[in-house]
Amino acid sequence: MASDTSGPAGATPDPEKFRRVPKVLLHDHLDGGLRPGTVIELAEATGYQALPTTDTAELGRWFRDAADSGSLESYLETFAHTCGVMQTEEALVRVAAECAEDLADDGVVYAEVRYAPELFVERGLSLETVVEAVQAGFAEGERRAAARGKVIRTGTLLCAMRQHARALEIADLAVRYRDAGVVGFDIAGPEDGFPPTRNLDAFEFLRTSNAHFTIHAGEAFGLASIWEAIQHCGAERLGHGVRIIDDIKIGDDGTPHLGRLAAYVRDRRIPLEICPSSNVQTGAAQSIGTHPIGLLHQLRFRVTVNTDNRLMSGCTMSSEFAALHAAFGYGLADFQWFTINAMKSAFLDFDRRLDVINNVIKPGYAAVL
């Protein structure tokens, strides 16, 4: 049962409170969060001519409609346009800076934003140049946000595309830049047919390098993907992970019974990077109201709330909180729990995680509660 202790007598939090409270974001794709106007301007500046429209409002709607297919493969096709306009250093700096600003304006105090460097080398940029441009952009965005009184700290995750064969190369890149703002590694792309075990050499390299990594698993594919990600590859977190619900059965008396994998995930406190709106778009959940997050929260899995792709889903962290409040009655006490879960699970050193929890998140929620 959700606890709505957001105000006197369990008052319903207003949308402004969702924006004001500190939030932590672990699963957000850089190329899935561009402003529609930026896509249009970058297309003009770089000579990209394949956009479906150059009207800002229409383009925003097009991305959301195209992503509402119920198929992960179709959903991923929308990225051809955002990646298409992000092939220069200037574009990467701008997109990263605007990302940090937009998240800060939404009340995000710590964010791990991921992207695949290999997707931005079509015009000759090196992988190193891509990483350095993105890091410069985040630093600029943090500076601009701070000038407006919004403090955000960003870290980046470097993704390898699971359908390609560059995972070890990208893992090495993540390790080389881990003292320059890259906090971890991920594999992304279509799950079905591309199991995480295809990249065992990369994960072994990361483990022996004492580096952090998460794995997209349990979104479009089921329990086998989650099991491989954890038991074969050693994932610290699960990108989405919603299909763990398939290992939880509800008895005739309404009592949930966890299978061995679900029990292991919960017992080990393996974080689930859940993205409610995106999960509905890709068919991983039928609706927000029936999303597995309801039962997973009730059973106290290490659930975190995330945006995935803000452009494609037309969402923010605040709007995800509002949607969960509408569906499950969650109040600010629940959202503080989600937020602390996320900060505990961040690929940031222990002292800095504690600092954000004790000196930013808890005081921020106390001020609103």
Protein backbone atom coordinates (compact mmCIF):
# COMPACT_ATOMS: atom_id res chain seq x y z
CA MET A 1 0.00 0.00 0.00
CA ALA A 2 1.44 3.39 -0.96
CA SER A 3 2.06 5.83 1.83
CA ASP A 4 0.96 9.36 1.01
CA THR A 5 2.53 11.44 3.75
CA SER A 6 3.11 14.41 1.53
CA GLY A 7 1.41 16.93 3.75
CA PRO A 8 -1.26 17.45 6.40
CA ALA A 9 -3.77 14.60 6.50
CA GLY A 10 -2.03 12.93 3.58
CA ALA A 11 -2.65 15.87 1.25
CA THR A 12 -2.10 15.25 -2.43
CA PRO A 13 1.13 16.86 -3.65
CA ASP A 14 0.66 19.42 -6.40
CA PRO A 15 2.69 19.23 -9.64
CA GLU A 16 4.98 22.03 -8.50
CA LYS A 17 6.03 19.94 -5.49
CA PHE A 18 7.07 17.11 -7.80
CA ARG A 19 9.33 19.54 -9.62
CA ARG A 20 10.75 21.10 -6.46
CA VAL A 21 11.82 17.96 -4.64
CA PRO A 22 15.35 16.66 -5.35
CA LYS A 23 15.48 13.77 -7.79
CA VAL A 24 18.15 11.28 -8.87
CA LEU A 25 18.19 9.87 -12.40
CA LEU A 26 20.17 6.75 -13.30
CA HIS A 27 18.76 5.80 -16.72
CA ASP A 28 18.53 8.57 -19.31
CA HIS A 29 19.85 8.45 -22.88
CA LEU A 30 21.60 11.56 -24.18
CA ASP A 31 20.34 11.00 -27.73
CA GLY A 32 16.82 10.45 -26.41
CA GLY A 33 16.48 13.78 -24.63
CA LEU A 34 17.09 16.51 -27.19
CA ARG A 35 14.84 19.55 -27.36
CA PRO A 36 12.81 19.40 -30.62
CA GLY A 37 13.97 22.89 -31.52
CA THR A 38 17.58 21.84 -31.08
CA VAL A 39 17.06 18.87 -33.41
CA ILE A 40 15.77 21.24 -36.10
CA GLU A 41 18.56 23.79 -35.63
CA LEU A 42 21.29 21.14 -35.64
CA ALA A 43 19.80 19.53 -38.74
CA GLU A 44 20.05 22.87 -40.54
CA ALA A 45 23.57 23.52 -39.26
CA THR A 46 24.90 20.07 -40.18
CA GLY A 47 23.03 19.53 -43.43
CA TYR A 48 20.89 16.68 -42.12
CA GLN A 49 17.83 16.49 -44.39
CA ALA A 50 15.84 13.46 -43.24
CA LEU A 51 13.65 15.04 -40.53
CA PRO A 52 9.94 14.31 -40.95
CA THR A 53 9.11 17.97 -40.24
CA THR A 54 10.85 21.21 -39.34
CA ASP A 55 8.02 22.54 -37.21
CA THR A 56 9.04 22.36 -33.55
CA ALA A 57 5.68 21.34 -32.10
CA GLU A 58 4.99 18.86 -34.88
CA LEU A 59 8.43 17.28 -34.50
CA GLY A 60 7.94 16.80 -30.78
CA ARG A 61 4.62 15.07 -31.45
CA TRP A 62 6.17 12.97 -34.22
CA PHE A 63 8.83 11.56 -31.88
CA ARG A 64 6.24 10.65 -29.26
CA ASP A 65 3.84 9.12 -31.79
CA ALA A 66 6.59 7.13 -33.51
CA ALA A 67 7.74 5.78 -30.17
CA ASP A 68 4.20 4.69 -29.21
CA SER A 69 4.47 1.53 -31.29
CA GLY A 70 4.60 -1.09 -28.56
CA SER A 71 7.81 -2.46 -30.10
CA LEU A 72 11.32 -1.86 -28.82
CA GLU A 73 12.73 -2.25 -32.35
CA SER A 74 10.38 0.43 -33.77
CA TYR A 75 11.03 2.63 -30.76
CA LEU A 76 14.76 2.49 -31.44
CA GLU A 77 14.27 3.64 -35.04
CA THR A 78 13.47 7.17 -33.85
CA PHE A 79 17.09 7.57 -32.81
CA ALA A 80 18.22 7.73 -36.44
CA HIS A 81 17.21 11.39 -36.44
CA THR A 82 18.71 12.45 -33.11
CA CYS A 83 21.97 10.60 -33.79
CA GLY A 84 21.93 12.02 -37.31
CA VAL A 85 22.25 15.59 -36.02
CA MET A 86 24.84 14.76 -33.32
CA GLN A 87 27.85 14.07 -35.55
CA THR A 88 29.95 17.17 -34.74
CA GLU A 89 31.78 18.32 -31.63
CA GLU A 90 29.66 21.47 -31.49
CA ALA A 91 26.45 19.46 -31.60
CA LEU A 92 27.58 17.08 -28.86
CA VAL A 93 28.64 19.95 -26.58
CA ARG A 94 25.30 21.70 -27.12
CA VAL A 95 23.16 18.63 -26.56
CA ALA A 96 25.01 17.66 -23.37
CA ALA A 97 24.88 21.21 -21.98
CA GLU A 98 21.15 21.49 -22.64
CA CYS A 99 20.60 18.07 -21.10
CA ALA A 100 22.22 19.15 -17.83
CA GLU A 101 20.24 22.40 -17.82
CA ASP A 102 16.91 20.69 -18.51
CA LEU A 103 17.45 18.09 -15.81
CA ALA A 104 18.49 20.72 -13.28
CA ASP A 105 15.39 22.78 -14.09
CA ASP A 106 13.33 19.67 -13.33
CA GLY A 107 14.90 19.32 -9.88
CA VAL A 108 17.38 16.54 -10.71
CA VAL A 109 20.41 16.88 -8.41
CA TYR A 110 22.37 13.89 -9.68
CA ALA A 111 22.10 12.25 -13.08
CA GLU A 112 23.86 9.46 -14.91
CA VAL A 113 23.30 10.02 -18.62
CA ARG A 114 24.28 7.33 -21.10
CA TYR A 115 25.14 7.29 -24.77
CA ALA A 116 26.95 5.10 -27.30
CA PRO A 117 30.08 6.88 -28.59
CA GLU A 118 30.17 4.57 -31.62
CA LEU A 119 26.95 6.19 -32.91
CA PHE A 120 28.57 9.61 -33.35
CA VAL A 121 31.58 8.85 -35.54
CA GLU A 122 29.89 8.88 -38.96
CA ARG A 123 31.59 12.15 -39.93
CA GLY A 124 35.04 11.17 -38.74
CA LEU A 125 35.07 12.03 -35.05
CA SER A 126 37.21 9.71 -32.95
CA LEU A 127 35.69 7.96 -29.94
CA GLU A 128 37.92 10.04 -27.67
CA THR A 129 36.75 13.29 -29.27
CA VAL A 130 33.13 12.25 -28.76
CA VAL A 131 33.68 11.55 -25.06
CA GLU A 132 35.59 14.78 -24.49
CA ALA A 133 32.94 16.86 -26.30
CA VAL A 134 30.14 15.37 -24.22
CA GLN A 135 32.06 15.91 -20.99
CA ALA A 136 32.72 19.54 -21.98
CA GLY A 137 29.02 19.97 -22.63
CA PHE A 138 27.99 18.61 -19.27
CA ALA A 139 30.49 20.86 -17.51
CA GLU A 140 29.06 23.86 -19.36
CA GLY A 141 25.48 22.82 -18.56
CA GLU A 142 26.30 22.41 -14.88
CA ARG A 143 27.89 25.88 -14.92
CA ARG A 144 24.85 27.49 -16.56
CA ALA A 145 22.47 25.74 -14.16
CA ALA A 146 24.51 26.86 -11.15
CA ALA A 147 24.39 30.45 -12.39
CA ARG A 148 20.58 30.18 -12.08
CA GLY A 149 20.77 28.62 -8.62
CA LYS A 150 20.22 25.03 -9.81
CA VAL A 151 22.91 22.58 -8.68
CA ILE A 152 23.29 19.32 -10.56
CA ARG A 153 26.11 16.79 -10.76
CA THR A 154 26.28 14.62 -13.86
CA GLY A 155 28.14 11.42 -14.65
CA THR A 156 28.15 9.58 -17.95
CA LEU A 157 27.78 5.94 -18.87
CA LEU A 158 29.34 4.77 -22.13
CA CYS A 159 27.14 2.27 -23.98
CA ALA A 160 28.19 -0.40 -26.43
CA MET A 161 25.53 -1.44 -28.93
CA ARG A 162 24.85 -5.10 -28.31
CA GLN A 163 24.24 -5.86 -32.00
CA HIS A 164 27.74 -4.62 -32.88
CA ALA A 165 31.13 -6.01 -31.89
CA ARG A 166 32.79 -3.07 -30.11
CA ALA A 167 31.94 -3.76 -26.47
CA LEU A 168 35.50 -4.37 -25.33
CA GLU A 169 36.69 -1.26 -27.14
CA ILE A 170 34.00 0.89 -25.47
CA ALA A 171 34.67 -0.72 -22.08
CA ASP A 172 38.32 0.24 -22.42
CA LEU A 173 37.23 3.79 -23.29
CA ALA A 174 35.07 3.94 -20.16
CA VAL A 175 37.99 2.85 -17.98
CA ARG A 176 40.36 5.35 -19.58
CA TYR A 177 37.95 8.23 -18.93
CA ARG A 178 36.66 7.21 -15.52
CA ASP A 179 38.60 10.01 -13.82
CA ALA A 180 37.15 12.54 -16.28
CA GLY A 181 33.44 12.12 -15.55
CA VAL A 182 32.67 8.70 -17.05
CA VAL A 183 31.24 6.70 -14.17
CA GLY A 184 30.40 3.41 -15.86
CA PHE A 185 29.51 1.20 -18.82
CA ASP A 186 26.36 -0.30 -20.31
CA ILE A 187 25.20 -2.35 -23.27
CA ALA A 188 22.10 -1.15 -25.10
CA GLY A 189 20.14 -1.91 -28.24
CA PRO A 190 17.84 -4.83 -29.12
CA GLU A 191 17.79 -7.56 -26.47
CA ASP A 192 16.16 -10.34 -28.48
CA GLY A 193 18.87 -12.27 -30.33
CA PHE A 194 21.71 -10.34 -28.71
CA PRO A 195 22.20 -11.76 -25.21
CA PRO A 196 24.58 -9.99 -22.83
CA THR A 197 26.87 -13.03 -22.82
CA ARG A 198 28.03 -12.02 -26.32
CA ASN A 199 30.13 -9.42 -24.50
CA LEU A 200 31.68 -11.47 -21.71
CA ASP A 201 35.19 -10.25 -22.56
CA ALA A 202 34.12 -6.66 -21.95
CA PHE A 203 32.51 -7.45 -18.61
CA GLU A 204 35.52 -9.46 -17.47
CA PHE A 205 37.76 -6.53 -18.38
CA LEU A 206 35.54 -4.13 -16.42
CA ARG A 207 35.48 -6.36 -13.34
CA THR A 208 39.23 -6.78 -13.28
CA SER A 209 39.56 -3.01 -13.72
CA ASN A 210 37.30 -2.35 -10.72
CA ALA A 211 34.91 -0.46 -13.00
CA HIS A 212 31.15 -0.10 -12.68
CA PHE A 213 28.59 -1.33 -15.19
CA THR A 214 24.88 -1.81 -15.70
CA ILE A 215 23.19 -3.89 -18.39
CA HIS A 216 19.95 -3.34 -20.29
CA ALA A 217 18.04 -6.52 -19.43
CA GLY A 218 14.46 -7.59 -18.82
CA GLU A 219 12.87 -4.93 -21.03
CA ALA A 220 11.99 -6.55 -24.36
CA PHE A 221 13.24 -9.99 -23.33
CA GLY A 222 12.46 -11.98 -20.23
CA LEU A 223 14.04 -13.76 -17.32
CA ALA A 224 16.83 -15.37 -19.34
CA SER A 225 18.21 -11.92 -20.17
CA ILE A 226 18.15 -10.89 -16.52
CA TRP A 227 19.73 -14.15 -15.35
CA GLU A 228 22.57 -13.88 -17.88
CA ALA A 229 23.18 -10.23 -17.04
CA ILE A 230 23.55 -11.00 -13.34
CA GLN A 231 24.99 -14.49 -13.12
CA HIS A 232 27.21 -14.62 -16.20
CA CYS A 233 28.14 -10.96 -16.65
CA GLY A 234 28.02 -9.63 -13.08
CA ALA A 235 25.73 -6.63 -13.64
CA GLU A 236 25.59 -4.25 -10.69
CA ARG A 237 22.27 -2.80 -11.87
CA LEU A 238 19.59 -3.81 -14.36
CA GLY A 239 18.54 -1.37 -17.06
CA HIS A 240 14.73 -1.66 -16.81
CA GLY A 241 14.56 -5.19 -15.35
CA VAL A 242 10.75 -5.04 -15.31
CA ARG A 243 10.35 -8.61 -16.56
CA ILE A 244 11.56 -9.86 -13.17
CA ILE A 245 7.82 -9.74 -12.51
CA ASP A 246 7.58 -12.98 -14.55
CA ASP A 247 9.28 -14.78 -11.65
CA ILE A 248 6.67 -13.63 -9.12
CA LYS A 249 3.46 -15.61 -8.85
CA ILE A 250 0.34 -14.52 -6.99
CA GLY A 251 -1.30 -17.28 -4.96
CA ASP A 252 -5.03 -17.92 -4.73
CA ASP A 253 -5.08 -15.98 -1.47
CA GLY A 254 -3.36 -12.99 -3.09
CA THR A 255 0.03 -13.68 -1.54
CA PRO A 256 3.00 -13.08 -3.86
CA HIS A 257 5.55 -15.87 -4.16
CA LEU A 258 9.03 -15.05 -5.44
CA GLY A 259 10.90 -17.48 -7.66
CA ARG A 260 14.58 -18.06 -7.08
CA LEU A 261 15.77 -15.38 -9.50
CA ALA A 262 13.37 -12.73 -8.21
CA ALA A 263 14.33 -13.59 -4.62
CA TYR A 264 18.01 -13.32 -5.52
CA VAL A 265 17.53 -9.90 -7.13
CA ARG A 266 15.64 -8.63 -4.11
CA ASP A 267 17.93 -10.20 -1.51
CA ARG A 268 21.05 -8.83 -3.18
CA ARG A 269 19.42 -5.38 -3.53
CA ILE A 270 20.20 -5.29 -7.25
CA PRO A 271 18.82 -1.94 -8.46
CA LEU A 272 16.11 -1.87 -11.11
CA GLU A 273 16.35 1.16 -13.41
CA ILE A 274 12.64 1.34 -14.16
CA CYS A 275 11.32 3.76 -16.79
CA PRO A 276 7.50 3.68 -16.56
CA SER A 277 6.40 5.69 -19.62
CA SER A 278 9.05 4.17 -21.86
CA ASN A 279 8.11 0.66 -20.69
CA VAL A 280 4.54 1.26 -21.83
CA GLN A 281 5.73 2.54 -25.21
CA THR A 282 7.93 -0.47 -25.88
CA GLY A 283 5.38 -3.02 -24.69
CA ALA A 284 7.24 -4.02 -21.51
CA ALA A 285 4.14 -2.92 -19.58
CA GLN A 286 0.53 -2.51 -20.69
CA SER A 287 -0.11 0.75 -18.86
CA ILE A 288 1.19 2.86 -16.00
CA GLY A 289 -1.66 1.57 -13.84
CA THR A 290 -0.69 -2.06 -14.41
CA HIS A 291 3.06 -1.46 -14.47
CA PRO A 292 5.09 -4.02 -12.46
CA ILE A 293 6.55 -1.16 -10.42
CA GLY A 294 3.44 -1.34 -8.22
CA LEU A 295 4.15 -4.88 -7.00
CA LEU A 296 7.93 -4.42 -7.04
CA HIS A 297 7.60 -1.37 -4.80
CA GLN A 298 5.22 -3.23 -2.51
CA LEU A 299 7.71 -6.09 -2.21
CA ARG A 300 10.56 -3.65 -1.54
CA PHE A 301 12.80 -4.42 -4.47
CA ARG A 302 15.51 -1.78 -5.02
CA VAL A 303 13.29 0.19 -7.40
CA THR A 304 14.40 3.46 -8.99
CA VAL A 305 12.35 5.74 -11.26
CA ASN A 306 13.83 7.02 -14.52
CA THR A 307 12.96 8.74 -17.80
CA ASP A 308 14.87 6.65 -20.39
CA ASN A 309 14.22 8.99 -23.36
CA ARG A 310 12.61 12.30 -22.49
CA LEU A 311 12.01 13.34 -26.10
CA MET A 312 10.46 10.07 -27.27
CA SER A 313 8.31 9.68 -24.16
CA GLY A 314 7.51 13.37 -23.77
CA CYS A 315 8.36 13.00 -20.10
CA THR A 316 10.42 14.40 -17.25
CA MET A 317 11.23 12.98 -13.85
CA SER A 318 8.48 15.22 -12.45
CA SER A 319 5.92 13.91 -14.93
CA GLU A 320 6.92 10.31 -14.15
CA PHE A 321 6.37 11.02 -10.45
CA ALA A 322 2.99 12.58 -11.26
CA ALA A 323 1.97 9.56 -13.37
CA LEU A 324 2.92 7.16 -10.57
CA HIS A 325 1.03 9.27 -8.06
CA ALA A 326 -2.07 9.15 -10.27
CA ALA A 327 -1.79 5.39 -10.81
CA PHE A 328 -0.74 4.17 -7.37
CA GLY A 329 -1.37 7.04 -4.98
CA TYR A 330 2.31 7.43 -4.17
CA GLY A 331 3.13 10.46 -2.07
CA LEU A 332 6.33 12.36 -1.43
CA ALA A 333 7.47 9.82 1.18
CA ASP A 334 7.41 7.16 -1.53
CA PHE A 335 9.29 9.37 -3.95
CA GLN A 336 11.92 10.10 -1.33
CA TRP A 337 12.33 6.32 -0.98
CA PHE A 338 12.75 5.92 -4.76
CA THR A 339 15.23 8.80 -4.79
CA ILE A 340 17.35 7.46 -1.94
CA ASN A 341 17.30 4.04 -3.63
CA ALA A 342 18.72 5.67 -6.75
CA MET A 343 21.41 7.60 -4.91
CA LYS A 344 22.47 4.48 -3.01
CA SER A 345 22.80 2.74 -6.38
CA ALA A 346 24.71 5.50 -8.19
CA PHE A 347 28.15 4.81 -9.64
CA LEU A 348 29.60 7.49 -7.41
CA ASP A 349 31.96 7.01 -4.50
CA PHE A 350 30.45 6.20 -1.12
CA ASP A 351 31.26 9.50 0.60
CA ARG A 352 29.69 11.58 -2.15
CA ARG A 353 26.58 9.37 -2.24
CA LEU A 354 26.13 9.88 1.50
CA ASP A 355 26.68 13.60 1.11
CA VAL A 356 23.91 13.91 -1.48
CA ILE A 357 21.51 11.74 0.56
CA ASN A 358 22.10 13.50 3.87
CA ASN A 359 22.69 17.07 2.74
CA VAL A 360 20.54 17.40 -0.39
CA ILE A 361 17.83 14.73 -0.68
CA LYS A 362 16.64 14.43 2.93
CA PRO A 363 16.62 18.19 3.64
CA GLY A 364 14.97 18.82 0.26
CA TYR A 365 12.09 16.47 1.01
CA ALA A 366 11.81 17.62 4.61
CA ALA A 367 11.29 21.18 3.39
CA VAL A 368 8.35 20.09 1.23
CA LEU A 369 6.86 17.43 3.51
